[in-house]
Amino acid sequence: MTNPALRARYLAQSVTTASPGQLLVMLYDRLVVDLTQAEEALRAGDRELGSARLMHAQDIVAELRGTLDVSAWEGAAGLSQIYGFLLTELIKANVRGDADVAASCCGLVEPLRDAWREALQMTRAVDTAAASAAGAVPARVA
């Protein structure tokens, strides 16, 4: 198997075996990559690549917004509004070929990504502690 084929296989397996929290963080990671690449391409004068990256970023934000359950928690409606704002800004960046707008979007997305990553890590820590506690109880009884 070639390197690209191995990479594609690895990525496909990573996505299929990822938890919902991991998938969310993976989407945010890819969104940051797209925005960074779009900004760099636009600054270098490569509108075609910049546009492609911005359109992929728009797809990710649309997916995030479309799958957001606004009734699940108090902050969901606000997050939906942020996604709407991001979509508008990404379209603006694409139409104008504006690297500064792409950079601004990345500046908005990075703290969100970091917050979701931290929440995932905290959830894992709680799950691990609960599993350890559950495993320790029967051992004490026996």
Protein backbone atom coordinates (compact mmCIF):
# COMPACT_ATOMS: atom_id res chain seq x y z
CA MET A 1 0.00 0.00 0.00
CA THR A 2 1.21 3.51 -0.79
CA ASN A 3 1.55 6.26 1.79
CA PRO A 4 -1.56 8.16 0.60
CA ALA A 5 -3.58 4.94 0.66
CA LEU A 6 -2.38 4.10 4.17
CA ARG A 7 -3.15 7.62 5.34
CA ALA A 8 -6.65 7.48 3.86
CA ARG A 9 -7.27 4.11 5.50
CA TYR A 10 -6.01 5.39 8.86
CA LEU A 11 -8.19 8.51 8.65
CA ALA A 12 -11.26 6.48 7.69
CA GLN A 13 -10.73 4.14 10.65
CA SER A 14 -10.12 7.09 12.98
CA VAL A 15 -13.41 8.69 11.98
CA THR A 16 -15.43 5.49 12.20
CA THR A 17 -14.13 4.60 15.66
CA ALA A 18 -14.21 8.13 17.12
CA SER A 19 -16.69 9.13 19.80
CA PRO A 20 -19.06 12.03 19.10
CA GLY A 21 -16.83 14.30 21.21
CA GLN A 22 -13.73 13.23 19.31
CA LEU A 23 -15.51 13.83 15.99
CA LEU A 24 -16.46 17.32 17.09
CA VAL A 25 -12.85 18.15 17.99
CA MET A 26 -11.67 16.62 14.70
CA LEU A 27 -14.08 18.88 12.79
CA TYR A 28 -12.83 21.93 14.66
CA ASP A 29 -9.21 20.91 14.02
CA ARG A 30 -9.92 20.62 10.30
CA LEU A 31 -11.78 23.94 10.33
CA VAL A 32 -8.70 25.67 11.80
CA VAL A 33 -6.50 24.01 9.17
CA ASP A 34 -8.83 25.19 6.38
CA LEU A 35 -8.93 28.74 7.70
CA THR A 36 -5.16 28.89 8.15
CA GLN A 37 -4.56 27.54 4.66
CA ALA A 38 -7.15 29.91 3.19
CA GLU A 39 -5.51 32.91 4.82
CA GLU A 40 -2.05 31.85 3.64
CA ALA A 41 -3.26 31.18 0.10
CA LEU A 42 -5.09 34.50 -0.14
CA ARG A 43 -2.06 36.40 1.15
CA ALA A 44 0.05 34.63 -1.48
CA GLY A 45 -2.43 35.61 -4.20
CA ASP A 46 -3.77 32.09 -4.76
CA ARG A 47 -7.50 32.79 -4.82
CA GLU A 48 -8.34 29.37 -6.19
CA LEU A 49 -6.83 27.51 -3.24
CA GLY A 50 -8.08 30.14 -0.80
CA SER A 51 -11.59 29.78 -2.15
CA ALA A 52 -11.47 25.98 -1.98
CA ARG A 53 -10.36 26.06 1.66
CA LEU A 54 -13.00 28.67 2.55
CA MET A 55 -15.72 26.61 0.89
CA HIS A 56 -14.62 23.54 2.84
CA ALA A 57 -14.68 25.63 6.02
CA GLN A 58 -18.22 26.73 5.14
CA ASP A 59 -19.23 23.07 4.74
CA ILE A 60 -17.85 22.26 8.19
CA VAL A 61 -19.58 25.20 9.87
CA ALA A 62 -22.85 24.34 8.11
CA GLU A 63 -22.53 20.76 9.38
CA LEU A 64 -21.76 21.95 12.92
CA ARG A 65 -24.75 24.28 12.84
CA GLY A 66 -27.07 21.73 11.25
CA THR A 67 -26.31 19.05 13.83
CA LEU A 68 -26.45 21.36 16.85
CA ASP A 69 -29.35 20.53 19.17
CA VAL A 70 -30.33 23.97 20.45
CA SER A 71 -32.52 22.41 23.14
CA ALA A 72 -29.67 20.34 24.62
CA TRP A 73 -28.10 23.10 26.73
CA GLU A 74 -28.42 26.82 27.46
CA GLY A 75 -25.50 27.96 25.33
CA ALA A 76 -26.56 26.10 22.19
CA ALA A 77 -28.65 28.97 20.78
CA GLY A 78 -25.71 31.35 21.18
CA LEU A 79 -23.38 28.86 19.52
CA SER A 80 -25.84 28.56 16.64
CA GLN A 81 -25.68 32.34 16.23
CA ILE A 82 -21.88 32.21 16.20
CA TYR A 83 -22.04 29.56 13.47
CA GLY A 84 -24.39 31.79 11.47
CA PHE A 85 -22.02 34.73 11.86
CA LEU A 86 -19.08 32.54 10.80
CA LEU A 87 -20.91 31.39 7.67
CA THR A 88 -21.60 35.00 6.70
CA GLU A 89 -17.98 35.99 7.30
CA LEU A 90 -16.61 32.99 5.40
CA ILE A 91 -18.76 33.87 2.40
CA LYS A 92 -17.58 37.47 2.66
CA ALA A 93 -13.94 36.36 2.82
CA ASN A 94 -14.44 34.17 -0.22
CA VAL A 95 -16.25 36.75 -2.34
CA ARG A 96 -13.73 39.47 -1.52
CA GLY A 97 -10.67 37.23 -1.38
CA ASP A 98 -10.00 38.79 2.02
CA ALA A 99 -7.27 37.10 4.05
CA ASP A 100 -7.96 39.34 7.04
CA VAL A 101 -11.53 38.11 7.33
CA ALA A 102 -10.33 34.51 7.09
CA ALA A 103 -7.82 35.22 9.87
CA SER A 104 -10.55 36.83 11.97
CA CYS A 105 -12.72 33.72 11.57
CA CYS A 106 -9.80 31.55 12.65
CA GLY A 107 -9.36 33.77 15.70
CA LEU A 108 -12.99 33.10 16.60
CA VAL A 109 -12.83 29.35 15.96
CA GLU A 110 -9.60 28.52 17.81
CA PRO A 111 -10.93 29.29 21.34
CA LEU A 112 -14.08 27.28 20.57
CA ARG A 113 -11.95 24.34 19.43
CA ASP A 114 -9.81 24.61 22.55
CA ALA A 115 -12.90 24.69 24.79
CA TRP A 116 -14.37 21.59 23.14
CA ARG A 117 -11.02 19.80 23.40
CA GLU A 118 -10.81 20.66 27.10
CA ALA A 119 -14.39 19.49 27.66
CA LEU A 120 -13.57 16.20 25.93
CA GLN A 121 -10.48 15.71 28.10
CA MET A 122 -12.48 16.45 31.25
CA THR A 123 -15.18 14.00 30.18
CA ARG A 124 -12.57 11.32 29.58
CA ALA A 125 -11.05 11.97 33.01
CA VAL A 126 -14.46 11.66 34.68
CA ASP A 127 -15.23 8.48 32.72
CA THR A 128 -11.87 6.98 33.66
CA ALA A 129 -12.37 7.83 37.34
CA ALA A 130 -15.88 6.35 37.29
CA ALA A 131 -14.63 3.18 35.61
CA SER A 132 -11.83 2.86 38.15
CA ALA A 133 -14.26 3.36 41.01
CA ALA A 134 -16.66 0.80 39.56
CA GLY A 135 -13.84 -1.68 39.13
CA ALA A 136 -12.57 -1.10 42.66
CA VAL A 137 -15.91 -1.71 44.40
CA PRO A 138 -16.33 -5.36 43.43
CA ALA A 139 -12.68 -6.06 44.28
CA ARG A 140 -13.24 -4.80 47.84
CA VAL A 141 -16.40 -6.82 48.24
CA ALA A 142 -14.72 -10.06 47.17
